[in-house]
Protein backbone atom coordinates (compact mmCIF):
# COMPACT_ATOMS: atom_id res chain seq x y z
CA MET A 1 -61.90 -127.07 -167.45
CA ALA A 2 -58.85 -125.97 -165.44
CA SER A 3 -57.73 -127.43 -162.08
CA ALA A 4 -58.60 -125.56 -158.83
CA ASP A 5 -54.78 -124.55 -158.23
CA LYS A 6 -55.00 -122.67 -161.62
CA LEU A 7 -58.11 -120.60 -160.46
CA GLU A 8 -56.39 -119.79 -157.23
CA ARG A 9 -53.39 -118.62 -159.25
CA ILE A 10 -55.55 -116.39 -161.23
CA ALA A 11 -57.02 -114.77 -157.86
CA GLU A 12 -53.34 -114.48 -156.55
CA ALA A 13 -52.13 -112.56 -159.59
CA SER A 14 -53.56 -109.45 -158.20
CA GLY A 15 -55.21 -107.99 -161.28
CA LEU A 16 -53.24 -110.30 -163.46
CA VAL A 17 -49.97 -108.38 -162.89
CA ASP A 18 -47.60 -111.06 -161.70
CA GLU A 19 -43.96 -111.23 -160.41
CA ASP A 20 -42.69 -112.50 -163.69
CA THR A 21 -44.18 -109.70 -165.60
CA LEU A 22 -42.99 -106.94 -163.27
CA LYS A 23 -39.50 -108.24 -163.52
CA LYS A 24 -39.62 -108.46 -167.45
CA SER A 25 -40.89 -104.74 -167.24
CA GLU A 26 -38.00 -103.76 -164.93
CA ASN A 27 -35.46 -105.50 -167.17
CA ARG A 28 -36.70 -103.70 -170.16
CA ASP A 29 -36.55 -100.31 -168.50
CA LYS A 30 -32.96 -101.10 -167.42
CA GLU A 31 -32.08 -101.88 -170.86
CA ILE A 32 -33.44 -98.84 -172.47
CA VAL A 33 -31.70 -96.54 -169.85
CA LYS A 34 -28.23 -98.39 -170.05
CA THR A 35 -28.56 -97.92 -174.00
CA SER A 36 -29.51 -94.33 -173.65
CA ILE A 37 -26.56 -93.56 -171.22
CA ILE A 38 -24.26 -95.20 -173.67
CA GLY A 39 -25.70 -92.85 -176.42
CA ILE A 40 -25.31 -89.80 -174.20
CA LEU A 41 -21.67 -90.60 -173.58
CA ALA A 42 -20.73 -91.24 -177.03
CA ASN A 43 -22.54 -88.22 -178.44
CA VAL A 44 -21.07 -85.89 -176.02
CA PHE A 45 -17.49 -87.17 -176.73
CA LEU A 46 -18.13 -86.76 -180.35
CA ALA A 47 -19.62 -83.29 -180.04
CA ALA A 48 -16.58 -82.03 -178.04
CA PHE A 49 -14.01 -83.20 -180.66
CA LYS A 50 -16.05 -82.06 -183.75
CA ALA A 51 -16.75 -78.61 -182.15
CA VAL A 52 -12.99 -78.05 -181.72
CA ILE A 53 -12.08 -79.37 -185.20
CA GLY A 54 -14.96 -77.38 -186.98
CA THR A 55 -13.91 -74.14 -185.27
CA VAL A 56 -10.08 -74.57 -185.91
CA SER A 57 -10.61 -75.59 -189.60
CA GLY A 58 -13.54 -73.10 -190.21
CA SER A 59 -15.91 -76.04 -191.52
CA ILE A 60 -19.64 -75.17 -191.04
CA ALA A 61 -20.34 -78.84 -191.78
CA ILE A 62 -18.13 -80.24 -188.83
CA VAL A 63 -19.63 -77.54 -186.49
CA LEU A 64 -23.19 -78.67 -187.44
CA ASP A 65 -22.21 -82.12 -187.07
CA ALA A 66 -21.13 -81.28 -183.50
CA VAL A 67 -24.40 -79.32 -182.91
CA ASN A 68 -26.28 -82.70 -184.18
CA ASN A 69 -24.51 -84.84 -181.65
CA ILE A 70 -25.69 -82.64 -178.83
CA SER A 71 -29.22 -83.04 -180.06
CA ASP A 72 -28.80 -86.72 -180.25
CA ALA A 73 -27.53 -86.63 -176.42
CA ALA A 74 -30.57 -84.67 -175.60
CA SER A 75 -32.74 -87.15 -177.39
CA SER A 76 -31.09 -89.88 -175.19
CA VAL A 77 -31.95 -87.92 -172.13
CA ILE A 78 -35.60 -87.59 -173.22
CA THR A 79 -35.68 -91.36 -173.81
CA ILE A 80 -34.51 -92.10 -170.06
CA VAL A 81 -36.98 -89.45 -168.75
CA GLY A 82 -39.86 -90.92 -170.83
CA THR A 83 -38.96 -94.56 -169.74
CA LYS A 84 -38.85 -93.57 -166.10
CA LEU A 85 -42.20 -91.79 -166.34
CA ALA A 86 -43.81 -94.43 -168.39
CA GLY A 87 -42.87 -97.12 -165.64
CA LYS A 88 -44.99 -95.45 -163.00
CA GLN A 89 -47.50 -97.70 -161.42
CA PRO A 90 -51.11 -97.19 -162.35
CA ASP A 91 -52.91 -94.90 -159.97
CA LYS A 92 -56.54 -93.59 -159.34
CA LYS A 93 -56.05 -90.86 -162.14
CA HIS A 94 -54.57 -93.11 -164.61
CA PRO A 95 -55.63 -96.59 -163.80
CA PHE A 96 -54.30 -97.83 -167.10
CA GLY A 97 -50.68 -96.72 -166.16
CA TYR A 98 -48.39 -94.29 -167.97
CA GLY A 99 -47.00 -96.44 -170.75
CA ARG A 100 -48.10 -93.87 -173.50
CA ILE A 101 -45.60 -91.44 -172.36
CA GLU A 102 -42.99 -93.45 -174.38
CA TYR A 103 -45.07 -92.46 -177.61
CA LEU A 104 -44.68 -88.70 -176.37
CA SER A 105 -41.08 -88.85 -175.82
CA ALA A 106 -40.67 -90.65 -179.23
CA MET A 107 -42.50 -87.68 -180.70
CA ILE A 108 -40.25 -85.06 -179.07
CA ILE A 109 -37.08 -87.04 -180.53
CA SER A 110 -38.87 -86.88 -183.72
CA VAL A 111 -39.41 -83.10 -183.51
CA ILE A 112 -35.73 -82.74 -182.45
CA VAL A 113 -34.49 -84.57 -185.69
CA LEU A 114 -36.81 -82.40 -187.84
CA TYR A 115 -35.40 -79.08 -186.19
CA ALA A 116 -31.90 -80.31 -186.62
CA GLY A 117 -32.60 -80.92 -190.36
CA ILE A 118 -34.20 -77.41 -190.75
CA THR A 119 -31.28 -75.81 -188.89
CA SER A 120 -28.67 -77.48 -190.96
CA LEU A 121 -30.55 -76.59 -194.25
CA ARG A 122 -30.77 -73.04 -193.25
CA GLU A 123 -27.00 -72.85 -192.44
CA SER A 124 -25.89 -74.66 -195.62
CA ILE A 125 -28.02 -72.30 -197.70
CA THR A 126 -26.22 -69.40 -196.02
CA LYS A 127 -22.92 -71.00 -196.80
CA ILE A 128 -23.86 -71.48 -200.47
CA ILE A 129 -24.86 -67.79 -200.67
CA HIS A 130 -21.65 -66.71 -198.94
CA PRO A 131 -19.04 -69.33 -199.29
CA SER A 132 -15.82 -69.53 -197.26
CA LYS A 133 -12.78 -71.77 -197.84
CA PRO A 134 -12.21 -74.40 -194.92
CA ASP A 135 -8.76 -75.60 -193.79
CA TYR A 136 -8.65 -79.12 -193.11
CA THR A 137 -5.84 -81.10 -191.47
CA VAL A 138 -4.94 -84.76 -191.45
CA VAL A 139 -5.80 -85.07 -187.78
CA ALA A 140 -9.22 -83.52 -188.24
CA LEU A 141 -10.24 -86.03 -191.06
CA VAL A 142 -8.92 -88.82 -188.99
CA ILE A 143 -11.16 -87.88 -186.32
CA VAL A 144 -14.19 -87.18 -188.52
CA ALA A 145 -13.66 -90.75 -190.10
CA ALA A 146 -13.71 -92.30 -186.62
CA ALA A 147 -16.70 -90.60 -185.86
CA VAL A 148 -18.46 -92.06 -188.93
CA LEU A 149 -17.53 -95.51 -187.57
CA VAL A 150 -18.60 -94.82 -184.06
CA LYS A 151 -22.06 -93.30 -185.29
CA ILE A 152 -22.67 -96.51 -187.57
CA PHE A 153 -21.87 -98.84 -184.66
CA LEU A 154 -23.98 -96.68 -182.08
CA GLY A 155 -26.89 -96.35 -184.67
CA ARG A 156 -27.22 -100.04 -185.25
CA TYR A 157 -26.65 -101.05 -181.66
CA VAL A 158 -29.42 -98.50 -180.37
CA GLU A 159 -31.88 -99.35 -183.07
CA GLY A 160 -31.37 -103.07 -182.48
CA VAL A 161 -31.85 -102.70 -178.87
CA GLY A 162 -35.05 -100.55 -179.40
CA LYS A 163 -36.57 -103.14 -181.66
CA LYS A 164 -35.58 -106.06 -179.33
CA VAL A 165 -37.38 -104.17 -176.36
CA ASN A 166 -39.98 -102.52 -178.39
CA SER A 167 -39.05 -98.90 -177.59
CA ASP A 168 -40.00 -96.38 -180.52
CA SER A 169 -37.77 -93.70 -178.66
CA LEU A 170 -34.67 -96.03 -179.02
CA VAL A 171 -35.54 -96.87 -182.56
CA ASN A 172 -35.93 -93.37 -183.51
CA SER A 173 -32.55 -92.43 -181.74
CA GLY A 174 -30.90 -95.23 -183.59
CA LYS A 175 -32.14 -94.04 -186.99
CA ASP A 176 -31.00 -90.64 -186.19
CA ALA A 177 -27.63 -91.93 -185.45
CA THR A 178 -27.34 -93.68 -188.63
CA LEU A 179 -28.42 -90.54 -190.46
CA ASP A 180 -25.61 -88.82 -188.58
CA SER A 181 -23.09 -91.07 -189.82
CA ILE A 182 -24.00 -90.47 -193.37
CA ILE A 183 -23.65 -86.54 -192.58
CA SER A 184 -20.25 -87.17 -191.13
CA ALA A 185 -19.22 -89.38 -194.17
CA SER A 186 -20.54 -86.69 -196.63
CA THR A 187 -18.49 -84.10 -194.78
CA LEU A 188 -15.35 -86.38 -195.04
CA ILE A 189 -16.01 -86.87 -198.77
CA ALA A 190 -16.30 -83.07 -199.34
CA ALA A 191 -13.00 -82.41 -197.48
CA VAL A 192 -11.18 -85.04 -199.58
CA ILE A 193 -12.60 -83.37 -202.82
CA TYR A 194 -11.59 -79.81 -201.66
CA ILE A 195 -8.09 -81.01 -200.66
CA PHE A 196 -7.44 -82.65 -204.14
CA SER A 197 -9.38 -80.29 -206.36
CA GLY A 198 -9.76 -77.21 -204.43
CA VAL A 199 -13.46 -77.17 -204.95
CA SER A 200 -15.73 -76.79 -201.76
CA LEU A 201 -19.01 -78.77 -201.96
CA GLU A 202 -19.54 -79.26 -198.29
CA ALA A 203 -22.28 -76.61 -198.23
CA TRP A 204 -24.20 -78.35 -201.31
CA LEU A 205 -23.78 -81.68 -199.66
CA GLY A 206 -24.98 -80.32 -196.20
CA ALA A 207 -28.11 -79.12 -197.99
CA ILE A 208 -28.86 -82.40 -199.49
CA ILE A 209 -28.21 -84.30 -196.34
CA SER A 210 -30.43 -81.61 -194.37
CA VAL A 211 -33.34 -82.63 -196.72
CA VAL A 212 -32.82 -86.25 -196.11
CA ILE A 213 -32.94 -85.49 -192.21
CA ILE A 214 -36.11 -83.39 -192.53
CA LYS A 215 -37.80 -86.17 -194.51
CA SER A 216 -36.73 -88.74 -191.74
CA GLY A 217 -37.87 -86.51 -189.00
CA ILE A 218 -41.31 -86.14 -190.83
CA ASP A 219 -41.49 -90.06 -191.22
CA MET A 220 -40.88 -90.64 -187.47
CA LEU A 221 -43.21 -88.01 -186.44
CA ARG A 222 -45.84 -89.47 -188.66
CA GLU A 223 -45.22 -93.10 -187.16
CA THR A 224 -45.52 -91.86 -183.65
CA LEU A 225 -48.62 -89.78 -184.29
CA SER A 226 -50.28 -92.99 -185.76
CA GLU A 227 -49.50 -94.85 -182.56
CA ILE A 228 -50.83 -92.27 -180.25
CA LEU A 229 -54.01 -92.10 -182.31
CA GLY A 230 -54.23 -95.70 -182.01
CA GLU A 231 -53.49 -98.38 -184.75
CA ARG A 232 -55.03 -101.73 -185.67
CA ALA A 233 -53.66 -104.45 -183.33
CA ASP A 234 -50.87 -106.52 -184.58
CA CYS A 235 -52.25 -109.31 -186.72
CA ASP A 236 -49.90 -112.08 -185.47
CA LEU A 237 -50.81 -111.21 -181.86
CA ALA A 238 -54.44 -111.15 -182.60
CA LYS A 239 -54.10 -114.51 -184.23
CA ALA A 240 -52.18 -116.03 -181.41
CA ILE A 241 -54.76 -114.96 -178.82
CA LYS A 242 -57.60 -116.38 -180.78
CA ALA A 243 -55.69 -119.51 -181.13
CA THR A 244 -55.20 -119.80 -177.31
CA VAL A 245 -58.80 -119.15 -176.63
CA MET A 246 -59.87 -122.01 -179.20
CA GLU A 247 -57.74 -124.45 -177.40
CA PHE A 248 -60.72 -124.72 -174.93
CA PRO A 249 -62.92 -127.55 -175.86
CA ALA A 250 -65.92 -125.56 -174.77
CA VAL A 251 -65.31 -122.73 -177.20
CA ASP A 252 -66.76 -122.99 -180.65
CA GLY A 253 -65.48 -119.78 -181.90
CA VAL A 254 -63.70 -116.42 -180.99
CA TYR A 255 -64.90 -112.91 -182.40
CA ASP A 256 -64.76 -109.26 -181.95
CA LEU A 257 -61.19 -109.24 -180.42
CA VAL A 258 -60.36 -105.62 -179.50
CA LEU A 259 -57.08 -104.62 -178.12
CA ASN A 260 -56.33 -101.32 -176.56
CA ASN A 261 -52.67 -100.25 -176.39
CA TYR A 262 -51.53 -98.32 -173.35
CA GLY A 263 -47.96 -98.39 -174.11
CA PRO A 264 -45.48 -100.64 -175.80
CA ASP A 265 -46.28 -104.20 -174.84
CA SER A 266 -49.18 -103.05 -172.60
CA TYR A 267 -52.53 -104.26 -173.82
CA ASN A 268 -55.92 -104.43 -172.50
CA GLY A 269 -58.69 -106.21 -174.53
CA SER A 270 -61.87 -107.78 -174.94
CA LEU A 271 -63.63 -110.63 -176.96
CA HIS A 272 -66.68 -112.69 -177.63
CA ILE A 273 -66.68 -116.47 -177.36
CA GLU A 274 -69.30 -118.79 -178.72
CA VAL A 275 -70.19 -121.73 -176.60
CA PRO A 276 -73.10 -124.27 -176.90
CA ASP A 277 -76.45 -123.43 -175.36
CA THR A 278 -75.99 -126.31 -173.00
CA CYS A 279 -73.35 -124.60 -170.90
CA THR A 280 -74.49 -123.68 -167.49
CA ALA A 281 -73.63 -120.17 -165.85
CA ASN A 282 -71.19 -121.99 -163.56
CA GLN A 283 -69.40 -123.59 -166.49
CA ILE A 284 -69.35 -120.19 -168.31
CA ASP A 285 -67.95 -118.36 -165.27
CA GLU A 286 -65.20 -120.91 -164.81
CA LEU A 287 -64.28 -120.94 -168.48
CA ILE A 288 -64.03 -117.11 -168.71
CA ARG A 289 -61.64 -117.24 -165.63
CA GLN A 290 -59.57 -119.86 -167.29
CA ILE A 291 -59.35 -117.93 -170.72
CA SER A 292 -58.39 -114.72 -168.87
CA TYR A 293 -55.39 -116.49 -167.13
CA GLU A 294 -54.19 -118.46 -170.16
CA VAL A 295 -54.30 -115.31 -172.39
CA TYR A 296 -52.40 -113.24 -169.90
CA LYS A 297 -49.68 -115.94 -169.22
CA LYS A 298 -49.23 -116.73 -172.78
CA HIS A 299 -49.40 -113.05 -174.41
CA GLN A 300 -49.44 -110.65 -171.35
CA VAL A 301 -52.91 -109.17 -172.37
CA ILE A 302 -55.41 -108.41 -169.76
CA LEU A 303 -58.74 -109.35 -170.94
CA THR A 304 -61.01 -106.95 -169.18
CA ALA A 305 -64.25 -108.50 -170.64
CA ILE A 306 -65.24 -111.59 -172.27
CA SER A 307 -68.79 -111.76 -173.75
CA VAL A 308 -70.75 -114.93 -174.59
CA TYR A 309 -72.70 -116.04 -177.63
CA SER A 310 -74.77 -118.90 -177.08
CA ARG A 311 -75.40 -121.20 -180.19
CA ASN A 312 -78.39 -123.53 -180.67
CA THR A 313 -77.22 -127.08 -180.78
CA GLN A 314 -80.13 -129.25 -179.57
CA ASP A 315 -82.95 -128.60 -182.26
CA PRO A 316 -82.11 -130.22 -185.88
CA GLU A 317 -84.39 -127.77 -187.63
CA ILE A 318 -82.36 -124.72 -186.13
CA VAL A 319 -78.98 -126.51 -186.96
CA ASP A 320 -80.23 -126.76 -190.54
CA ILE A 321 -81.23 -123.02 -190.64
CA TYR A 322 -77.74 -122.21 -189.28
CA SER A 323 -76.07 -124.20 -192.11
CA ARG A 324 -78.32 -122.61 -194.77
CA LEU A 325 -77.67 -119.18 -193.69
CA LYS A 326 -73.95 -119.63 -193.26
CA ASP A 327 -73.77 -121.00 -196.84
CA MET A 328 -75.63 -117.96 -198.12
CA VAL A 329 -73.80 -115.03 -196.58
CA TYR A 330 -70.14 -116.49 -197.40
CA LYS A 331 -71.09 -116.41 -201.04
CA TYR A 332 -70.69 -112.63 -200.73
CA LYS A 333 -67.34 -111.29 -201.62
CA TYR A 334 -66.53 -109.13 -198.56
CA VAL A 335 -68.06 -111.08 -195.86
CA LEU A 336 -65.22 -112.00 -193.38
CA GLN A 337 -67.45 -113.59 -190.63
CA MET A 338 -70.75 -114.61 -189.58
CA HIS A 339 -71.04 -115.27 -185.65
CA GLY A 340 -73.46 -114.82 -182.69
CA PHE A 341 -76.04 -116.96 -184.56
CA TYR A 342 -79.14 -117.79 -182.38
CA PHE A 343 -82.66 -118.57 -183.23
CA ASP A 344 -85.42 -117.72 -180.54
CA LYS A 345 -88.34 -119.84 -181.14
CA LYS A 346 -90.42 -117.73 -178.59
CA THR A 347 -90.02 -114.61 -180.73
CA ASN A 348 -89.34 -116.41 -184.11
CA THR A 349 -86.38 -114.20 -184.37
CA LEU A 350 -83.02 -115.03 -186.31
CA ARG A 351 -80.03 -113.24 -184.65
CA PHE A 352 -76.63 -113.01 -186.05
CA ASP A 353 -73.53 -110.64 -186.65
CA LEU A 354 -72.00 -109.95 -190.06
CA VAL A 355 -68.43 -108.83 -190.21
CA ILE A 356 -67.96 -106.94 -193.42
CA SER A 357 -64.35 -106.18 -194.72
CA PHE A 358 -63.03 -102.67 -194.83
CA ASP A 359 -62.19 -103.45 -198.50
CA SER A 360 -65.70 -103.19 -199.49
CA PRO A 361 -66.49 -100.11 -201.44
CA ASP A 362 -69.46 -99.57 -199.18
CA ARG A 363 -69.76 -101.73 -196.00
CA ILE A 364 -73.27 -100.50 -195.31
CA GLU A 365 -74.79 -101.28 -198.73
CA THR A 366 -73.14 -104.74 -198.72
CA PHE A 367 -74.59 -105.44 -195.35
CA ARG A 368 -78.18 -104.20 -196.65
CA ASN A 369 -77.90 -106.48 -199.77
CA ILE A 370 -77.13 -109.52 -197.59
CA ILE A 371 -79.98 -108.78 -195.12
CA SER A 372 -82.48 -108.36 -197.99
CA ARG A 373 -81.36 -111.64 -199.44
CA VAL A 374 -81.66 -113.50 -196.00
CA LYS A 375 -85.26 -111.96 -195.69
CA GLU A 376 -86.19 -113.29 -198.87
CA GLU A 377 -84.86 -116.77 -198.17
CA PHE A 378 -86.46 -116.88 -194.46
CA PRO A 379 -89.67 -114.67 -194.89
CA ASP A 380 -91.44 -116.31 -191.95
CA TYR A 381 -88.67 -115.21 -189.34
CA ARG A 382 -87.88 -111.80 -187.96
CA ILE A 383 -84.03 -111.06 -189.01
CA ALA A 384 -82.08 -109.29 -186.56
CA GLY A 385 -78.73 -108.97 -188.23
CA VAL A 386 -75.96 -106.62 -187.04
CA LEU A 387 -73.19 -105.15 -188.94
CA ASP A 388 -70.02 -105.83 -187.06
CA THR A 389 -66.22 -104.88 -187.18
CA ASP A 390 -63.27 -107.15 -186.96
CA PHE A 391 -60.73 -104.72 -185.32
CA SER A 392 -57.81 -107.10 -185.94
CA GLU A 393 -58.76 -107.58 -189.68
CA SER A 394 -55.63 -108.54 -191.48
């Protein structure tokens, strides 16, 4: 059991939101805003140069590239606004906070990328139908080449920071910048081909790149919508939390872990622990407090509920029944877990939960087959089996 000072620190944590976590969150927000501002300045600078060059040379590809830079700057603005709104403290209306706003800002950026791709495709098709000869200069080509290098660096930098701080908005912005560098590079290649051969391919290249951008926008949108709908918790995080809980000697098993995401790196959750039937209410209460604190301290996950399974340990006959039952159910292919076992002698009831894998062609049918077999094996007992789900199943 934990020392008294540890329990005091749990109480002092004020809802398990401590100073270190607040500081970490503030640093994350500052990093996102700083990176976004760098993106805005770089894109506005590039857009200004490309707009002038595209207009003077008559290159639709370069003009579209300039417009794309403006959309990137807008994406960075959306990222900043989304981060600021997501950082608002929980209130009565939204007690779990505003972290999911970051997913909405990532979705908006995905839509901007998709719109930019559709617009570019439309303009490229227009140029294919009504071609015009561009007039490139050495200065124009040098600036476009420099823009390619800037975009490659910017894309890697923004996406890298996004992965580091777990920001989908930054990751999407970084991917978009990398795609922009491909667009600029294709424009440069088309210009070189035109200068040496007189053949203008920029409209065709623009159409191909537009399709790539559209696909990227759809992929980004699909990923963001999936997160908004609610995805399975990260397997590594789930395993780490279970390992932390199993470090407590009084815990015989950890089951039914459910993690609810309320924004990047913001989780609330619940789980079941299995303890010997010799534990007193006071011991269980203290144990639950310890577990809540340790999980929060190590994984920044707030456990809003910890339920308890009591397992028979005193009666050798019941221990034998448990062993026989366990051996039986684990012979079935899709059984992941059996937990919550308890035999109530007063009602002659055998209780347990079965976790059937989602890989099973029919989870309900698999469960029914197992229950039928258990009833055959233990005809004198009332069988109270429950079909359970492991939401962190790997």
